[in-house]
C-alpha atoms as a PDB file:
ATOM      1  CA  MET A   1      69.109 159.571  83.275  1.00  0.00           C
ATOM      2  CA  THR A   2      67.203 159.187  86.654  1.00  0.00           C
ATOM      3  CA  ASP A   3      66.931 161.653  89.362  1.00  0.00           C
ATOM      4  CA  PRO A   4      69.402 160.961  91.922  1.00  0.00           C
ATOM      5  CA  PRO A   5      68.089 160.651  95.528  1.00  0.00           C
ATOM      6  CA  PRO A   6      67.270 163.891  97.106  1.00  0.00           C
ATOM      7  CA  LEU A   7      69.892 165.191  99.396  1.00  0.00           C
ATOM      8  CA  ASP A   8      68.922 166.387 103.252  1.00  0.00           C
ATOM      9  CA  ILE A   9      69.418 170.091 102.595  1.00  0.00           C
ATOM     10  CA  GLY A  10      69.508 172.486 105.710  1.00  0.00           C
ATOM     11  CA  PRO A  11      71.586 175.225 107.537  1.00  0.00           C
ATOM     12  CA  LEU A  12      75.127 175.134 108.147  1.00  0.00           C
ATOM     13  CA  THR A  13      75.830 173.719 111.787  1.00  0.00           C
ATOM     14  CA  ASP A  14      78.821 174.034 113.967  1.00  0.00           C
ATOM     15  CA  ALA A  15      79.632 170.327 112.880  1.00  0.00           C
ATOM     16  CA  ASP A  16      79.866 171.280 109.106  1.00  0.00           C
ATOM     17  CA  ALA A  17      82.711 174.085 109.521  1.00  0.00           C
ATOM     18  CA  ARG A  18      85.464 171.542 109.199  1.00  0.00           C
ATOM     19  CA  PHE A  19      83.673 170.241 106.004  1.00  0.00           C
ATOM     20  CA  VAL A  20      82.974 173.583 104.459  1.00  0.00           C
ATOM     21  CA  ASP A  21      86.809 174.878 104.939  1.00  0.00           C
ATOM     22  CA  GLY A  22      88.432 171.686 103.383  1.00  0.00           C
ATOM     23  CA  LEU A  23      85.852 171.695 100.597  1.00  0.00           C
ATOM     24  CA  SER A  24      86.605 175.215 100.052  1.00  0.00           C
ATOM     25  CA  ARG A  25      90.402 174.698 100.010  1.00  0.00           C
ATOM     26  CA  ARG A  26      89.884 172.124  97.170  1.00  0.00           C
ATOM     27  CA  ALA A  27      87.219 173.641  95.045  1.00  0.00           C
ATOM     28  CA  PHE A  28      88.300 177.505  95.172  1.00  0.00           C
ATOM     29  CA  ILE A  29      92.210 177.320  95.160  1.00  0.00           C
ATOM     30  CA  ARG A  30      92.459 177.762  91.438  1.00  0.00           C
ATOM     31  CA  TYR A  31      90.710 180.886  91.589  1.00  0.00           C
ATOM     32  CA  ALA A  32      91.258 182.478  95.246  1.00  0.00           C
ATOM     33  CA  HIS A  33      94.506 183.021  97.021  1.00  0.00           C
ATOM     34  CA  ARG A  34      93.045 182.107 100.453  1.00  0.00           C
ATOM     35  CA  PRO A  35      89.736 180.087  99.411  1.00  0.00           C
ATOM     36  CA  VAL A  36      89.148 179.265 103.264  1.00  0.00           C
ATOM     37  CA  ARG A  37      89.445 182.899 104.413  1.00  0.00           C
ATOM     38  CA  ALA A  38      86.982 183.709 101.329  1.00  0.00           C
ATOM     39  CA  VAL A  39      84.476 181.311 101.881  1.00  0.00           C
ATOM     40  CA  ARG A  40      84.304 182.000 105.796  1.00  0.00           C
ATOM     41  CA  ALA A  41      83.951 185.799 104.961  1.00  0.00           C
ATOM     42  CA  MET A  42      81.042 184.693 102.588  1.00  0.00           C
ATOM     43  CA  VAL A  43      79.405 182.501 105.369  1.00  0.00           C
ATOM     44  CA  GLU A  44      79.615 185.109 107.678  1.00  0.00           C
ATOM     45  CA  GLN A  45      77.723 187.653 105.497  1.00  0.00           C
ATOM     46  CA  GLY A  46      75.374 185.499 104.115  1.00  0.00           C
ATOM     47  CA  GLU A  47      73.533 182.335 104.318  1.00  0.00           C
ATOM     48  CA  THR A  48      74.790 178.583 103.994  1.00  0.00           C
ATOM     49  CA  LEU A  49      72.724 175.464 103.199  1.00  0.00           C
ATOM     50  CA  VAL A  50      74.646 172.105 103.228  1.00  0.00           C
ATOM     51  CA  GLY A  51      73.480 169.332 101.514  1.00  0.00           C
ATOM     52  CA  ARG A  52      74.112 165.838 103.124  1.00  0.00           C
ATOM     53  CA  ARG A  53      73.407 162.102 101.889  1.00  0.00           C
ATOM     54  CA  ASP A  54      73.220 159.382 104.522  1.00  0.00           C
ATOM     55  CA  GLY A  55      73.728 162.066 107.406  1.00  0.00           C
ATOM     56  CA  GLN A  56      77.308 163.130 105.761  1.00  0.00           C
ATOM     57  CA  PRO A  57      77.816 166.534 104.101  1.00  0.00           C
ATOM     58  CA  VAL A  58      78.402 166.453 100.356  1.00  0.00           C
ATOM     59  CA  GLY A  59      78.205 169.987  99.396  1.00  0.00           C
ATOM     60  CA  PHE A  60      77.353 173.464 100.333  1.00  0.00           C
ATOM     61  CA  VAL A  61      76.007 176.756  99.001  1.00  0.00           C
ATOM     62  CA  VAL A  62      76.236 180.454 100.212  1.00  0.00           C
ATOM     63  CA  ILE A  63      73.762 182.953  99.314  1.00  0.00           C
ATOM     64  CA  ARG A  64      73.248 186.662 100.148  1.00  0.00           C
ATOM     65  CA  ILE A  65      70.009 188.505 100.248  1.00  0.00           C
ATOM     66  CA  GLU A  66      70.250 192.359 100.042  1.00  0.00           C
ATOM     67  CA  ARG A  67      68.014 195.233  99.547  1.00  0.00           C
ATOM     68  CA  HIS A  68      68.667 197.390  96.512  1.00  0.00           C
ATOM     69  CA  PRO A  69      67.683 200.835  95.548  1.00  0.00           C
ATOM     70  CA  ARG A  70      66.017 199.596  92.670  1.00  0.00           C
ATOM     71  CA  PHE A  71      65.807 197.042  90.118  1.00  0.00           C
ATOM     72  CA  GLY A  72      63.803 198.211  87.192  1.00  0.00           C
ATOM     73  CA  PRO A  73      60.711 199.870  88.172  1.00  0.00           C
ATOM     74  CA  VAL A  74      60.536 198.055  91.540  1.00  0.00           C
ATOM     75  CA  SER A  75      61.588 200.090  94.424  1.00  0.00           C
ATOM     76  CA  GLU A  76      63.935 198.514  97.123  1.00  0.00           C
ATOM     77  CA  PRO A  77      63.817 195.044  96.077  1.00  0.00           C
ATOM     78  CA  LEU A  78      65.342 192.262  97.384  1.00  0.00           C
ATOM     79  CA  LEU A  79      68.061 190.420  95.071  1.00  0.00           C
ATOM     80  CA  ALA A  80      70.059 187.133  95.878  1.00  0.00           C
ATOM     81  CA  HIS A  81      73.611 186.634  95.131  1.00  0.00           C
ATOM     82  CA  LEU A  82      75.043 183.002  94.931  1.00  0.00           C
ATOM     83  CA  ASP A  83      78.308 183.358  96.667  1.00  0.00           C
ATOM     84  CA  ALA A  84      79.697 179.962  96.692  1.00  0.00           C
ATOM     85  CA  ILE A  85      78.715 176.658  95.938  1.00  0.00           C
ATOM     86  CA  ALA A  86      80.675 173.560  95.870  1.00  0.00           C
ATOM     87  CA  VAL A  87      80.324 169.480  96.034  1.00  0.00           C
ATOM     88  CA  SER A  88      82.810 166.994  96.979  1.00  0.00           C
ATOM     89  CA  ALA A  89      84.790 165.543  93.989  1.00  0.00           C
ATOM     90  CA  LEU A  90      83.190 162.165  95.009  1.00  0.00           C
ATOM     91  CA  ARG A  91      79.620 163.162  94.571  1.00  0.00           C
ATOM     92  CA  ARG A  92      80.144 165.300  91.576  1.00  0.00           C
ATOM     93  CA  GLY A  93      78.211 164.640  88.242  1.00  0.00           C
ATOM     94  CA  ARG A  94      75.166 162.833  90.264  1.00  0.00           C
ATOM     95  CA  GLY A  95      72.962 166.098  90.286  1.00  0.00           C
ATOM     96  CA  ARG A  96      74.135 167.448  93.835  1.00  0.00           C
ATOM     97  CA  GLY A  97      74.793 170.761  92.565  1.00  0.00           C
ATOM     98  CA  ARG A  98      71.490 170.911  90.766  1.00  0.00           C
ATOM     99  CA  GLN A  99      69.681 170.271  94.085  1.00  0.00           C
ATOM    100  CA  LEU A 100      71.844 172.490  95.986  1.00  0.00           C
ATOM    101  CA  LEU A 101      71.254 175.315  93.489  1.00  0.00           C
ATOM    102  CA  ALA A 102      67.597 174.682  93.330  1.00  0.00           C
ATOM    103  CA  ALA A 103      67.456 174.727  97.103  1.00  0.00           C
ATOM    104  CA  ALA A 104      69.195 178.097  97.159  1.00  0.00           C
ATOM    105  CA  GLU A 105      66.643 179.586  94.828  1.00  0.00           C
ATOM    106  CA  ALA A 106      63.854 178.290  96.665  1.00  0.00           C
ATOM    107  CA  HIS A 107      65.606 179.766  99.713  1.00  0.00           C
ATOM    108  CA  ALA A 108      65.884 182.972  98.051  1.00  0.00           C
ATOM    109  CA  ALA A 109      62.508 183.318  96.590  1.00  0.00           C
ATOM    110  CA  THR A 110      60.612 182.608  99.867  1.00  0.00           C
ATOM    111  CA  ARG A 111      62.782 185.510 101.489  1.00  0.00           C
ATOM    112  CA  GLY A 112      61.188 187.590  98.816  1.00  0.00           C
ATOM    113  CA  ALA A 113      64.425 188.073  96.245  1.00  0.00           C
ATOM    114  CA  LEU A 114      63.335 188.793  92.733  1.00  0.00           C
ATOM    115  CA  ALA A 115      66.355 187.269  91.048  1.00  0.00           C
ATOM    116  CA  MET A 116      69.739 185.617  91.849  1.00  0.00           C
ATOM    117  CA  PHE A 117      73.065 186.946  90.395  1.00  0.00           C
ATOM    118  CA  LEU A 118      76.407 184.815  90.414  1.00  0.00           C
ATOM    119  CA  MET A 119      79.953 185.110  89.178  1.00  0.00           C
ATOM    120  CA  THR A 120      81.840 182.227  87.953  1.00  0.00           C
ATOM    121  CA  ALA A 121      84.907 181.712  85.912  1.00  0.00           C
ATOM    122  CA  SER A 122      84.847 181.881  82.472  1.00  0.00           C
ATOM    123  CA  ASN A 123      86.772 178.771  82.159  1.00  0.00           C
ATOM    124  CA  ASN A 124      84.854 176.633  84.637  1.00  0.00           C
ATOM    125  CA  ARG A 125      82.831 174.750  82.264  1.00  0.00           C
ATOM    126  CA  ARG A 126      81.013 172.475  84.464  1.00  0.00           C
ATOM    127  CA  ALA A 127      79.757 175.509  86.654  1.00  0.00           C
ATOM    128  CA  ARG A 128      78.685 177.085  83.671  1.00  0.00           C
ATOM    129  CA  ALA A 129      76.629 174.301  82.283  1.00  0.00           C
ATOM    130  CA  LEU A 130      75.284 173.715  85.817  1.00  0.00           C
ATOM    131  CA  PHE A 131      74.020 177.546  85.819  1.00  0.00           C
ATOM    132  CA  ALA A 132      72.997 177.398  82.051  1.00  0.00           C
ATOM    133  CA  ALA A 133      70.955 174.150  82.578  1.00  0.00           C
ATOM    134  CA  ALA A 134      68.939 175.987  85.580  1.00  0.00           C
ATOM    135  CA  GLY A 135      68.229 179.125  83.393  1.00  0.00           C
ATOM    136  CA  TYR A 136      70.979 181.431  84.314  1.00  0.00           C
ATOM    137  CA  GLN A 137      71.870 183.906  81.596  1.00  0.00           C
ATOM    138  CA  PRO A 138      75.223 185.805  81.173  1.00  0.00           C
ATOM    139  CA  LEU A 139      75.114 189.119  81.793  1.00  0.00           C
ATOM    140  CA  ALA A 140      78.497 190.542  81.411  1.00  0.00           C
ATOM    141  CA  GLY A 141      82.068 189.522  81.155  1.00  0.00           C
ATOM    142  CA  MET A 142      84.823 190.448  83.794  1.00  0.00           C
ATOM    143  CA  ALA A 143      88.494 190.419  83.027  1.00  0.00           C
ATOM    144  CA  ALA A 144      90.840 189.565  85.470  1.00  0.00           C
ATOM    145  CA  ALA A 145      88.412 188.532  88.387  1.00  0.00           C
ATOM    146  CA  TYR A 146      90.006 185.631  89.919  1.00  0.00           C
ATOM    147  CA  ARG A 147      93.239 184.483  91.046  1.00  0.00           C
ATOM    148  CA  ASP A 148      95.887 184.362  88.315  1.00  0.00           C
ATOM    149  CA  ARG A 149      93.784 186.859  86.343  1.00  0.00           C
ATOM    150  CA  HIS A 150      91.089 184.426  85.409  1.00  0.00           C
ATOM    151  CA  ALA A 151      88.297 185.994  83.818  1.00  0.00           C
ATOM    152  CA  ALA A 152      84.556 185.633  85.072  1.00  0.00           C
ATOM    153  CA  VAL A 153      81.100 185.875  83.974  1.00  0.00           C
ATOM    154  CA  LEU A 154      78.231 187.590  85.664  1.00  0.00           C
ATOM    155  CA  MET A 155      74.966 185.419  85.203  1.00  0.00           C
ATOM    156  CA  THR A 156      71.556 186.157  86.491  1.00  0.00           C
ATOM    157  CA  LYS A 157      68.083 184.294  86.661  1.00  0.00           C
ATOM    158  CA  LEU A 158      64.698 185.770  87.479  1.00  0.00           C
ATOM    159  CA  LEU A 159      63.348 183.536  90.426  1.00  0.00           C
ATOM    160  CA  GLU A 160      59.683 182.611  90.750  1.00  0.00           C
ATOM    161  CA  PRO A 161      57.726 185.609  92.071  1.00  0.00           C
ATOM    162  CA  SER A 162      56.128 185.501  95.218  1.00  0.00           C
ATOM    163  CA  ALA A 163      52.731 186.361  96.247  1.00  0.00           C
ATOM    164  CA  ALA A 164      54.074 189.869  97.794  1.00  0.00           C
ATOM    165  CA  VAL A 165      53.326 193.022  96.377  1.00  0.00           C
ATOM    166  CA  LEU A 166      56.386 194.765  95.241  1.00  0.00           C
ATOM    167  CA  PRO A 167      56.380 198.636  95.414  1.00  0.00           C
ATOM    168  CA  MET A 168      56.841 200.473  92.121  1.00  0.00           C
ATOM    169  CA  HIS A 169      59.033 203.237  91.804  1.00  0.00           C
ATOM    170  CA  ALA A 170      57.501 206.653  90.841  1.00  0.00           C
ATOM    171  CA  SER A 171      58.613 208.054  87.774  1.00  0.00           C
END
């Protein structure tokens, strides 16, 4: 399989809002009672990247980067959480999700995040395959995490280390 042409991936603009709302409604209705409201809240709290092909948006990813008290021996590390990722139905299966995920990881790593966490529905085979192929490992199962009591799986991946020196926690 040849690699798809690269997406032009950049920050969310005001012009993208309708696209993100519409795609959120279609992509997440199975798992959220109010998917547009839920994704809008994620967008407000995080950072959103939009993938475009020929100037038209085809997908988006929302990540949140937060400082945590401790991650193993590291004091106050930055950890990233992938809150949402979606690709237009007509563009799925062409590597667009993989490109958006890679862009989100690179963005988080350049900001200093050590790892990316995400939660996805256990029965969402397409998403789980995308994440597994990118190196995400299941961490824990979560019963009734989504609408209609769909179960979820929490997954994580260590990101490529940055050149920054990490503060170690004193024992």
